[in-house]
N, C-alpha and C. Protein backbone atom coordinates (compact mmCIF):
# COMPACT_ATOMS: atom_id res chain seq x y z
N MET A 1 0.86 -1.18 0.00
CA MET A 1 0.00 0.00 0.00
C MET A 1 0.90 1.23 0.00
N ILE A 2 0.67 2.11 -0.94
CA ILE A 2 1.39 3.38 -1.00
C ILE A 2 0.57 4.41 -0.22
N ILE A 3 1.23 5.08 0.71
CA ILE A 3 0.56 6.11 1.51
C ILE A 3 1.38 7.38 1.39
N THR A 4 0.73 8.48 1.00
CA THR A 4 1.46 9.74 0.83
C THR A 4 0.59 10.94 1.15
N SER A 5 1.24 12.03 1.53
CA SER A 5 0.53 13.29 1.73
C SER A 5 0.41 14.07 0.42
N LEU A 6 1.05 13.55 -0.65
CA LEU A 6 0.95 14.20 -1.96
C LEU A 6 -0.43 13.98 -2.56
N GLU A 7 -0.82 14.87 -3.47
CA GLU A 7 -2.10 14.73 -4.15
C GLU A 7 -2.00 13.82 -5.37
N TYR A 8 -0.78 13.49 -5.76
CA TYR A 8 -0.53 12.59 -6.89
C TYR A 8 0.78 11.86 -6.64
N LEU A 9 1.04 10.83 -7.42
CA LEU A 9 2.30 10.08 -7.31
C LEU A 9 3.09 10.26 -8.60
N PRO A 10 4.26 10.84 -8.52
CA PRO A 10 5.08 11.02 -9.73
C PRO A 10 5.32 9.68 -10.42
N GLY A 11 5.11 9.67 -11.73
CA GLY A 11 5.32 8.46 -12.52
C GLY A 11 4.15 7.48 -12.48
N MET A 12 3.08 7.85 -11.80
CA MET A 12 1.91 6.97 -11.71
C MET A 12 0.66 7.74 -12.09
N THR A 13 -0.33 7.01 -12.54
CA THR A 13 -1.61 7.60 -12.94
C THR A 13 -2.72 7.01 -12.07
N VAL A 14 -3.60 7.86 -11.61
CA VAL A 14 -4.76 7.39 -10.86
C VAL A 14 -5.72 6.77 -11.87
N GLN A 15 -5.98 5.50 -11.71
CA GLN A 15 -6.90 4.79 -12.59
C GLN A 15 -8.34 4.88 -12.11
N ARG A 16 -8.47 4.93 -10.78
CA ARG A 16 -9.82 4.92 -10.21
C ARG A 16 -9.79 5.53 -8.81
N HIS A 17 -10.73 6.43 -8.54
CA HIS A 17 -10.89 7.01 -7.21
C HIS A 17 -11.95 6.22 -6.48
N LEU A 18 -11.63 5.70 -5.30
CA LEU A 18 -12.54 4.83 -4.58
C LEU A 18 -13.23 5.49 -3.39
N GLY A 19 -12.82 6.70 -3.06
CA GLY A 19 -13.47 7.43 -1.98
C GLY A 19 -12.58 7.69 -0.79
N LEU A 20 -13.16 8.31 0.20
CA LEU A 20 -12.46 8.67 1.42
C LEU A 20 -12.32 7.44 2.32
N VAL A 21 -11.12 7.27 2.88
CA VAL A 21 -10.91 6.23 3.89
C VAL A 21 -10.37 6.92 5.14
N GLN A 22 -10.59 6.27 6.27
CA GLN A 22 -10.21 6.89 7.53
C GLN A 22 -9.84 5.84 8.57
N GLY A 23 -9.14 6.27 9.56
CA GLY A 23 -8.81 5.43 10.69
C GLY A 23 -8.66 6.32 11.91
N SER A 24 -9.00 5.78 13.07
CA SER A 24 -8.85 6.58 14.28
C SER A 24 -8.49 5.70 15.46
N SER A 25 -7.98 6.35 16.48
CA SER A 25 -7.64 5.68 17.73
C SER A 25 -7.88 6.68 18.86
N VAL A 26 -8.58 6.23 19.88
CA VAL A 26 -8.83 7.07 21.05
C VAL A 26 -8.08 6.43 22.21
N ARG A 27 -7.25 7.20 22.85
CA ARG A 27 -6.44 6.70 23.96
C ARG A 27 -6.60 7.61 25.17
N SER A 28 -6.47 7.02 26.33
CA SER A 28 -6.49 7.82 27.55
C SER A 28 -5.11 7.79 28.18
N LYS A 29 -4.86 8.80 28.98
CA LYS A 29 -3.58 8.90 29.68
C LYS A 29 -3.53 7.87 30.80
N HIS A 30 -2.35 7.43 31.10
CA HIS A 30 -2.08 6.48 32.17
C HIS A 30 -1.67 7.27 33.41
N ALA A 31 -2.15 6.90 34.57
CA ALA A 31 -1.84 7.63 35.80
C ALA A 31 -0.34 7.76 36.03
N GLY A 32 0.40 6.70 35.76
CA GLY A 32 1.86 6.74 35.91
C GLY A 32 2.50 7.76 34.98
N ARG A 33 1.98 7.84 33.77
CA ARG A 33 2.49 8.82 32.81
C ARG A 33 2.17 10.24 33.27
N ASP A 34 0.99 10.42 33.87
CA ASP A 34 0.61 11.74 34.37
C ASP A 34 1.55 12.21 35.48
N ILE A 35 1.92 11.31 36.36
CA ILE A 35 2.83 11.67 37.46
C ILE A 35 4.18 12.09 36.89
N MET A 36 4.70 11.29 35.94
CA MET A 36 5.99 11.61 35.34
C MET A 36 5.91 12.91 34.54
N ALA A 37 4.79 13.13 33.87
CA ALA A 37 4.61 14.37 33.10
C ALA A 37 4.59 15.57 34.04
N GLY A 38 3.97 15.42 35.20
CA GLY A 38 3.94 16.50 36.18
C GLY A 38 5.34 16.84 36.66
N LEU A 39 6.16 15.82 36.89
CA LEU A 39 7.54 16.07 37.30
C LEU A 39 8.34 16.73 36.18
N LYS A 40 8.13 16.26 34.95
CA LYS A 40 8.84 16.85 33.80
C LYS A 40 8.47 18.31 33.61
N SER A 41 7.20 18.65 33.88
CA SER A 41 6.79 20.03 33.68
C SER A 41 7.51 20.98 34.64
N ILE A 42 7.95 20.45 35.77
CA ILE A 42 8.70 21.27 36.72
C ILE A 42 10.12 21.51 36.21
N PHE A 43 10.75 20.45 35.70
CA PHE A 43 12.16 20.52 35.29
C PHE A 43 12.35 20.76 33.80
N GLY A 44 11.30 20.56 33.02
CA GLY A 44 11.40 20.74 31.57
C GLY A 44 11.85 19.47 30.88
N GLY A 45 11.69 19.43 29.56
CA GLY A 45 12.10 18.28 28.78
C GLY A 45 10.93 17.60 28.11
N GLU A 46 11.27 16.63 27.29
CA GLU A 46 10.25 15.89 26.53
C GLU A 46 9.44 14.99 27.45
N LEU A 47 8.14 14.94 27.20
CA LEU A 47 7.25 14.04 27.93
C LEU A 47 7.22 12.72 27.17
N VAL A 48 8.21 11.88 27.44
CA VAL A 48 8.43 10.66 26.67
C VAL A 48 7.21 9.74 26.71
N GLY A 49 6.57 9.63 27.86
CA GLY A 49 5.39 8.77 27.98
C GLY A 49 4.28 9.20 27.03
N TYR A 50 4.07 10.51 26.91
CA TYR A 50 3.04 11.01 26.00
C TYR A 50 3.47 10.86 24.54
N THR A 51 4.75 11.05 24.28
CA THR A 51 5.26 10.85 22.92
C THR A 51 5.02 9.42 22.47
N GLU A 52 5.30 8.47 23.34
CA GLU A 52 5.08 7.06 23.03
C GLU A 52 3.59 6.77 22.83
N LEU A 53 2.76 7.36 23.68
CA LEU A 53 1.31 7.17 23.57
C LEU A 53 0.80 7.66 22.22
N LEU A 54 1.23 8.84 21.80
CA LEU A 54 0.79 9.39 20.52
C LEU A 54 1.33 8.57 19.35
N HIS A 55 2.57 8.09 19.47
CA HIS A 55 3.15 7.26 18.41
C HIS A 55 2.33 5.97 18.24
N GLU A 56 2.01 5.32 19.34
CA GLU A 56 1.19 4.10 19.29
C GLU A 56 -0.18 4.39 18.69
N SER A 57 -0.78 5.51 19.06
CA SER A 57 -2.09 5.88 18.52
C SER A 57 -2.03 6.12 17.02
N ARG A 58 -0.99 6.84 16.57
CA ARG A 58 -0.84 7.09 15.12
C ARG A 58 -0.69 5.78 14.36
N GLU A 59 0.14 4.88 14.87
CA GLU A 59 0.33 3.59 14.21
C GLU A 59 -0.99 2.82 14.10
N GLU A 60 -1.75 2.80 15.18
CA GLU A 60 -3.03 2.10 15.18
C GLU A 60 -4.02 2.74 14.20
N ALA A 61 -4.08 4.06 14.18
CA ALA A 61 -4.99 4.76 13.26
C ALA A 61 -4.60 4.50 11.81
N VAL A 62 -3.30 4.53 11.51
CA VAL A 62 -2.84 4.28 10.13
C VAL A 62 -3.15 2.84 9.73
N GLU A 63 -2.98 1.90 10.63
CA GLU A 63 -3.30 0.49 10.32
C GLU A 63 -4.78 0.34 9.98
N ARG A 64 -5.63 1.03 10.70
CA ARG A 64 -7.07 0.99 10.41
C ARG A 64 -7.39 1.66 9.08
N LEU A 65 -6.68 2.73 8.76
CA LEU A 65 -6.82 3.40 7.46
C LEU A 65 -6.46 2.42 6.33
N ILE A 66 -5.34 1.74 6.48
CA ILE A 66 -4.88 0.78 5.47
C ILE A 66 -5.89 -0.36 5.30
N GLN A 67 -6.39 -0.89 6.40
CA GLN A 67 -7.35 -1.99 6.32
C GLN A 67 -8.62 -1.56 5.58
N GLN A 68 -9.08 -0.34 5.84
CA GLN A 68 -10.28 0.13 5.14
C GLN A 68 -9.99 0.28 3.65
N ALA A 69 -8.82 0.80 3.30
CA ALA A 69 -8.46 0.97 1.89
C ALA A 69 -8.34 -0.39 1.19
N LYS A 70 -7.73 -1.36 1.85
CA LYS A 70 -7.60 -2.70 1.27
C LYS A 70 -8.98 -3.33 1.04
N SER A 71 -9.91 -3.06 1.95
CA SER A 71 -11.24 -3.66 1.83
C SER A 71 -12.00 -3.18 0.59
N ILE A 72 -11.60 -2.03 0.04
CA ILE A 72 -12.24 -1.54 -1.18
C ILE A 72 -11.28 -1.63 -2.37
N GLU A 73 -10.24 -2.44 -2.21
CA GLU A 73 -9.28 -2.77 -3.27
C GLU A 73 -8.43 -1.60 -3.76
N ALA A 74 -8.13 -0.69 -2.86
CA ALA A 74 -7.22 0.41 -3.20
C ALA A 74 -5.78 -0.11 -3.11
N ASN A 75 -4.90 0.49 -3.89
CA ASN A 75 -3.48 0.16 -3.76
C ASN A 75 -2.66 1.38 -3.36
N ALA A 76 -3.35 2.50 -3.13
CA ALA A 76 -2.68 3.72 -2.65
C ALA A 76 -3.69 4.60 -1.93
N ILE A 77 -3.14 5.43 -1.03
CA ILE A 77 -3.96 6.42 -0.33
C ILE A 77 -3.23 7.75 -0.50
N LEU A 78 -3.90 8.69 -1.13
CA LEU A 78 -3.31 9.99 -1.42
C LEU A 78 -3.83 11.06 -0.48
N ASN A 79 -3.07 12.17 -0.41
CA ASN A 79 -3.49 13.36 0.34
C ASN A 79 -3.82 13.03 1.80
N VAL A 80 -2.98 12.21 2.42
CA VAL A 80 -3.22 11.76 3.79
C VAL A 80 -2.99 12.91 4.78
N ARG A 81 -3.92 13.04 5.71
CA ARG A 81 -3.85 14.08 6.73
C ARG A 81 -4.15 13.48 8.10
N PHE A 82 -3.54 14.07 9.13
CA PHE A 82 -3.79 13.68 10.51
C PHE A 82 -4.49 14.81 11.25
N SER A 83 -5.30 14.43 12.21
CA SER A 83 -5.97 15.40 13.06
C SER A 83 -6.02 14.83 14.47
N THR A 84 -5.95 15.69 15.46
CA THR A 84 -6.10 15.25 16.85
C THR A 84 -7.18 16.08 17.50
N SER A 85 -7.83 15.49 18.48
CA SER A 85 -8.83 16.23 19.23
C SER A 85 -8.96 15.63 20.63
N SER A 86 -9.38 16.45 21.54
CA SER A 86 -9.63 16.00 22.90
C SER A 86 -11.05 15.47 22.97
N ILE A 87 -11.21 14.25 23.43
CA ILE A 87 -12.53 13.62 23.50
C ILE A 87 -13.16 13.86 24.88
N ALA A 88 -12.35 13.67 25.90
CA ALA A 88 -12.79 13.86 27.28
C ALA A 88 -11.56 14.22 28.10
N SER A 89 -11.75 14.54 29.34
CA SER A 89 -10.61 14.85 30.18
C SER A 89 -9.68 13.64 30.24
N GLY A 90 -8.47 13.82 29.75
CA GLY A 90 -7.49 12.73 29.78
C GLY A 90 -7.56 11.78 28.61
N ALA A 91 -8.40 12.04 27.61
CA ALA A 91 -8.50 11.16 26.44
C ALA A 91 -8.43 11.99 25.16
N ALA A 92 -7.71 11.45 24.18
CA ALA A 92 -7.56 12.16 22.91
C ALA A 92 -7.74 11.18 21.75
N GLU A 93 -8.16 11.74 20.61
CA GLU A 93 -8.34 10.95 19.39
C GLU A 93 -7.30 11.38 18.37
N ILE A 94 -6.71 10.40 17.71
CA ILE A 94 -5.89 10.63 16.53
C ILE A 94 -6.75 10.15 15.36
N PHE A 95 -6.93 11.00 14.38
CA PHE A 95 -7.76 10.69 13.22
C PHE A 95 -6.91 10.89 11.97
N VAL A 96 -6.92 9.91 11.08
CA VAL A 96 -6.17 10.00 9.83
C VAL A 96 -7.13 9.70 8.69
N TYR A 97 -6.98 10.44 7.59
CA TYR A 97 -7.88 10.23 6.46
C TYR A 97 -7.16 10.55 5.16
N GLY A 98 -7.70 10.02 4.07
CA GLY A 98 -7.12 10.27 2.77
C GLY A 98 -8.01 9.70 1.66
N ALA A 99 -7.56 9.89 0.43
CA ALA A 99 -8.31 9.43 -0.75
C ALA A 99 -7.79 8.08 -1.19
N ALA A 100 -8.64 7.06 -1.15
CA ALA A 100 -8.28 5.72 -1.60
C ALA A 100 -8.37 5.67 -3.12
N VAL A 101 -7.32 5.19 -3.75
CA VAL A 101 -7.27 5.13 -5.22
C VAL A 101 -6.62 3.85 -5.69
N GLN A 102 -6.81 3.58 -6.96
CA GLN A 102 -6.05 2.54 -7.64
C GLN A 102 -5.12 3.27 -8.62
N VAL A 103 -3.84 3.01 -8.50
CA VAL A 103 -2.86 3.65 -9.37
C VAL A 103 -2.12 2.61 -10.17
N ALA A 104 -1.54 3.07 -11.29
CA ALA A 104 -0.72 2.23 -12.14
C ALA A 104 0.44 3.07 -12.66
N ASN A 105 1.54 2.42 -13.02
CA ASN A 105 2.67 3.13 -13.61
C ASN A 105 2.23 3.74 -14.93
N GLU A 106 2.77 4.95 -15.21
CA GLU A 106 2.48 5.59 -16.49
C GLU A 106 3.13 4.77 -17.59
N SER A 107 2.44 4.66 -18.69
CA SER A 107 3.00 3.88 -19.82
C SER A 107 3.54 4.77 -20.88
């Protein structure tokens, strides 16, 4: 599966547009991570626990995006974008979306 933030793929032609595909992941903060984040906010530095949490969420959301695209026989997802939002106190959503297409090499 080709995934890109570009609107087109150099050297390839979009044969068919299959529609919007999306994936999301909602995660909540862990109490242990909150304690460490509170300490880090005093001394400064990267909040590694939160960085890891967001990385895991992005990976899960992208995997769901890919599965949806595969289910409609896409071989590429173009114009991919990420969005985040707060769902509730201590919980956030990572949302990824893009255009599912079938592409082929230019002849």
